[in-house]
Protein backbone atom coordinates (compact mmCIF):
# COMPACT_ATOMS: atom_id res chain seq x y z
CA LEU A 1 -22.73 -42.74 32.45
CA ASP A 2 -23.74 -45.91 30.84
CA ILE A 3 -21.19 -47.84 32.72
CA CYS A 4 -23.00 -51.39 32.89
CA GLY A 5 -24.94 -51.32 29.46
CA PRO A 6 -22.79 -49.08 27.21
CA SER A 7 -25.00 -48.25 24.34
CA ILE A 8 -23.96 -44.71 23.44
CA PRO A 9 -21.36 -45.68 20.99
CA LYS A 10 -23.93 -47.61 18.82
CA LEU A 11 -26.72 -44.76 19.08
CA LEU A 12 -24.18 -42.18 18.20
CA SER A 13 -22.17 -43.88 15.66
CA THR A 14 -18.85 -43.88 17.33
CA GLU A 15 -18.28 -47.61 17.79
CA ASN A 16 -15.29 -47.85 15.58
CA GLN A 17 -13.41 -44.76 17.11
CA VAL A 18 -10.79 -45.31 19.47
CA VAL A 19 -10.13 -43.04 22.65
CA VAL A 20 -6.73 -41.12 22.50
CA ASN A 21 -4.79 -40.24 25.52
CA SER A 22 -3.28 -36.87 24.69
CA GLN A 23 -0.94 -34.22 26.66
CA TRP A 24 -4.36 -32.49 27.61
CA GLY A 25 -6.28 -35.86 28.70
CA TRP A 26 -8.61 -38.36 26.87
CA GLN A 27 -9.77 -37.07 23.70
CA PRO A 28 -13.40 -37.62 23.47
CA LEU A 29 -14.94 -39.19 20.40
CA LYS A 30 -16.65 -37.33 17.87
CA SER A 31 -20.11 -38.53 16.57
CA PRO A 32 -20.96 -37.64 12.87
CA PHE A 33 -24.28 -36.38 14.26
CA TYR A 34 -23.61 -32.59 14.73
CA ASP A 35 -20.12 -33.25 15.93
CA ILE A 36 -21.32 -34.40 19.27
CA LYS A 37 -18.58 -35.05 21.61
CA VAL A 38 -18.85 -38.61 23.19
CA MET A 39 -17.15 -40.49 25.94
CA SER A 40 -18.67 -43.98 27.20
CA THR A 41 -17.73 -46.99 28.87
CA GLY A 42 -18.16 -48.77 25.63
CA ALA A 43 -15.49 -46.74 24.13
CA ILE A 44 -12.66 -48.16 26.31
CA LEU A 45 -13.63 -51.93 26.49
CA ASP A 46 -11.58 -54.22 24.71
CA GLU A 47 -14.76 -56.25 23.47
CA SER A 48 -18.15 -54.86 23.24
CA SER A 49 -19.66 -58.19 24.61
CA ARG A 50 -17.62 -58.11 27.86
CA ALA A 51 -19.64 -57.52 30.90
CA VAL A 52 -18.60 -54.75 33.32
CA ILE A 53 -18.77 -56.06 36.97
CA TRP A 54 -17.80 -53.20 38.97
CA ARG A 55 -18.62 -52.16 42.67
CA GLY A 56 -19.40 -48.76 43.59
CA PRO A 57 -15.77 -47.00 44.10
CA ARG A 58 -14.55 -48.34 40.61
CA LYS A 59 -17.60 -46.86 38.90
CA THR A 60 -17.12 -43.50 40.94
CA ALA A 61 -13.56 -43.40 39.95
CA LEU A 62 -14.55 -43.81 36.16
CA ILE A 63 -17.21 -41.00 36.46
CA LYS A 64 -14.76 -38.70 37.86
CA ARG A 65 -12.10 -39.35 35.09
CA PHE A 66 -14.91 -38.62 32.35
CA LEU A 67 -15.47 -35.49 33.97
CA LYS A 68 -12.15 -34.44 34.98
CA ASP A 69 -9.80 -36.29 32.70
CA VAL A 70 -11.43 -35.76 29.38
CA PHE A 71 -10.22 -32.78 27.29
CA TRP A 72 -13.80 -31.60 26.53
CA GLY A 73 -12.72 -28.18 25.19
CA ARG A 74 -15.23 -25.59 24.54
CA LEU A 75 -18.97 -26.79 24.97
CA ASP A 76 -22.50 -25.61 24.51
CA PHE A 77 -23.88 -28.17 26.77
CA LEU A 78 -22.54 -31.09 28.83
CA ILE A 79 -25.04 -34.05 29.29
CA PHE A 80 -24.77 -36.93 31.39
CA ASP A 81 -27.04 -39.96 30.62
CA THR A 82 -27.65 -41.74 33.64
CA PRO A 83 -29.27 -45.04 34.13
CA PRO A 84 -32.78 -45.31 35.62
CA GLY A 85 -33.45 -45.16 39.48
CA THR A 86 -31.10 -43.71 42.11
CA SER A 87 -27.95 -45.55 42.03
CA ASP A 88 -24.14 -44.95 42.51
CA GLU A 89 -23.87 -43.12 39.15
CA HIS A 90 -26.47 -40.52 40.35
CA LEU A 91 -24.78 -39.84 43.66
CA SER A 92 -21.39 -39.81 42.23
CA ILE A 93 -21.99 -37.36 39.38
CA VAL A 94 -23.95 -35.17 41.80
CA LYS A 95 -20.97 -34.84 44.28
CA ALA A 96 -18.59 -34.20 41.46
CA LEU A 97 -20.61 -31.17 40.25
CA LYS A 98 -21.50 -29.78 43.67
CA ASP A 99 -19.50 -26.87 42.92
CA VAL A 100 -20.49 -26.19 39.49
CA GLU A 101 -24.38 -25.78 39.95
CA PRO A 102 -25.74 -27.57 36.85
CA ASP A 103 -28.68 -26.22 35.29
CA GLY A 104 -31.01 -29.12 36.22
CA VAL A 105 -32.27 -32.44 35.58
CA ILE A 106 -34.36 -33.90 32.60
CA ILE A 107 -36.32 -36.72 33.60
CA VAL A 108 -37.39 -39.40 30.98
CA THR A 109 -40.26 -42.06 31.65
CA THR A 110 -42.54 -44.34 29.87
CA PRO A 111 -46.30 -44.19 30.56
CA GLN A 112 -46.91 -47.12 32.77
CA GLU A 113 -47.68 -46.55 36.34
CA VAL A 114 -44.84 -49.04 37.45
CA ALA A 115 -42.37 -46.80 35.70
CA LEU A 116 -43.86 -43.57 37.39
CA ASP A 117 -43.16 -45.34 40.84
CA THR A 118 -39.48 -45.18 39.96
CA ILE A 119 -39.75 -41.45 38.69
CA ARG A 120 -41.33 -40.42 41.89
CA LYS A 121 -38.11 -41.65 43.93
CA GLU A 122 -35.94 -39.72 41.16
CA ILE A 123 -37.90 -36.74 41.84
CA ASP A 124 -37.49 -37.02 45.61
CA PHE A 125 -33.62 -37.79 44.98
CA CYS A 126 -33.31 -34.57 42.97
CA ARG A 127 -34.98 -32.64 45.83
CA LYS A 128 -32.91 -33.90 48.36
CA MET A 129 -29.83 -33.36 46.41
CA LYS A 130 -31.16 -29.70 45.69
CA LEU A 131 -31.17 -30.27 41.90
CA VAL A 132 -33.61 -28.32 39.51
CA VAL A 133 -35.97 -30.68 37.52
CA LEU A 134 -36.33 -28.92 34.24
CA GLY A 135 -39.11 -31.07 33.07
CA ILE A 136 -40.34 -34.53 32.20
CA VAL A 137 -40.33 -36.37 28.86
CA GLU A 138 -43.07 -39.18 28.19
CA ASN A 139 -40.94 -41.57 26.05
CA MET A 140 -42.61 -44.51 24.09
CA SER A 141 -45.99 -42.80 24.25
CA GLY A 142 -48.15 -44.83 21.94
CA PHE A 143 -47.18 -46.38 18.55
CA VAL A 144 -47.34 -44.49 15.36
CA CYS A 145 -48.40 -46.63 12.32
CA PRO A 146 -45.59 -46.05 9.48
CA CYS A 147 -48.24 -46.41 6.70
CA CYS A 148 -51.38 -44.63 7.93
CA GLN A 149 -49.91 -42.51 10.95
CA ALA A 150 -52.56 -43.76 13.22
CA ARG A 151 -51.62 -43.93 16.76
CA TRP A 152 -52.22 -46.59 19.24
CA ASN A 153 -51.33 -47.14 22.97
CA ILE A 154 -49.25 -50.11 23.49
CA PHE A 155 -48.49 -49.85 27.24
CA CYS A 156 -50.92 -49.13 30.02
CA GLN A 157 -51.47 -45.23 29.96
CA ALA A 158 -50.93 -43.65 33.32
CA ASP A 159 -51.22 -39.82 33.47
CA VAL A 160 -47.66 -38.49 33.40
CA GLU A 161 -48.66 -34.99 32.73
CA LYS A 162 -50.91 -35.24 35.67
CA MET A 163 -47.92 -36.54 37.98
CA ALA A 164 -45.85 -33.63 36.53
CA SER A 165 -48.45 -30.99 37.48
CA THR A 166 -48.91 -32.53 40.86
CA TYR A 167 -45.01 -32.06 41.66
CA GLY A 168 -45.18 -28.73 40.05
CA ILE A 169 -42.69 -29.71 37.25
CA ARG A 170 -43.05 -28.89 33.61
CA TYR A 171 -44.24 -31.58 31.20
CA LEU A 172 -42.12 -31.12 28.01
CA GLY A 173 -43.98 -33.60 25.88
CA LYS A 174 -44.33 -37.18 24.54
CA ILE A 175 -42.37 -39.08 22.18
CA PRO A 176 -44.12 -41.83 20.31
CA LEU A 177 -42.78 -45.51 19.51
CA ASP A 178 -41.72 -45.25 15.94
CA SER A 179 -40.20 -48.35 13.96
CA GLU A 180 -38.02 -45.99 12.06
CA LEU A 181 -36.51 -44.76 15.08
CA SER A 182 -35.68 -48.20 16.51
CA LYS A 183 -34.07 -48.96 12.96
CA CYS A 184 -31.96 -45.99 13.32
CA CYS A 185 -30.82 -46.67 16.72
CA GLU A 186 -29.76 -50.25 15.69
CA TYR A 187 -27.63 -49.11 12.75
CA GLY A 188 -26.51 -46.03 14.37
CA GLU A 189 -28.22 -43.52 11.79
CA ASN A 190 -29.27 -39.97 12.25
CA TYR A 191 -33.19 -40.33 12.84
CA LEU A 192 -33.62 -36.47 13.03
CA GLU A 193 -32.24 -36.13 9.63
CA LYS A 194 -33.42 -39.16 7.92
CA HIS A 195 -37.12 -38.75 9.13
CA LYS A 196 -37.41 -35.04 9.54
CA GLU A 197 -41.13 -34.88 9.28
CA SER A 198 -42.08 -37.93 11.52
CA ALA A 199 -44.16 -37.60 14.60
CA GLY A 200 -41.15 -38.73 16.50
CA SER A 201 -38.67 -36.42 15.00
CA LEU A 202 -41.01 -33.48 15.56
CA ALA A 203 -41.69 -34.30 18.90
CA ILE A 204 -37.84 -34.51 19.89
CA ARG A 205 -37.19 -31.31 18.28
CA ASN A 206 -39.92 -29.51 19.95
CA ILE A 207 -38.82 -31.01 23.41
CA VAL A 208 -35.17 -29.90 22.84
CA GLN A 209 -36.04 -26.41 22.02
CA SER A 210 -38.46 -26.19 24.81
CA ILE A 211 -35.50 -27.20 27.06
CA VAL A 212 -33.14 -24.96 25.39
CA ASP A 213 -35.48 -21.83 25.78
CA THR A 214 -35.57 -22.15 29.43
CA LEU A 215 -31.63 -22.26 29.98
CA PRO A 216 -29.54 -19.18 30.70
CA VAL A 217 -28.00 -17.81 27.88
């Protein structure tokens, strides 16, 4: 639901694909990375540099279209990437899915205390909306040197794991800053395949497997 700053097409290498409106609905784009199906505001803009200046009702209408008017077909998982905070996007998707009972929410944070202030509000939002929080991921947790693999903390280090424990939420792990990951994001390349043995790649794989293992079959 990257409506105002759509980056998903670049990250999943679907920038040059066009959304086709078929008799069954919008056909989602298909990423070359594991054939992931993708739908994003970035795919329906005439120009990638155009600002999206929409009020809440228009955002809500588009979110409903992404959910109901896209021909997703059979899926293993349907994942919604939402912006930070508790905004229109969050409320709209929760209401749209109220009869579906989604498996839950995965919260991603950086390790600074200022970021955790926002995360606490998101946890409160999830509980008020009766959403299960499957776990918390600590992103950008230290920088790994590409030469010697030494690790340095770039940001002030708040204790994300302790906060997760305080709220009774599973701590899923930490993903380090990696210059190779940044490059892959910039050029729409598959980081998990290109750098299989990197610290970041191994961390992401372990976190994903941990999430999948907790979901119902």
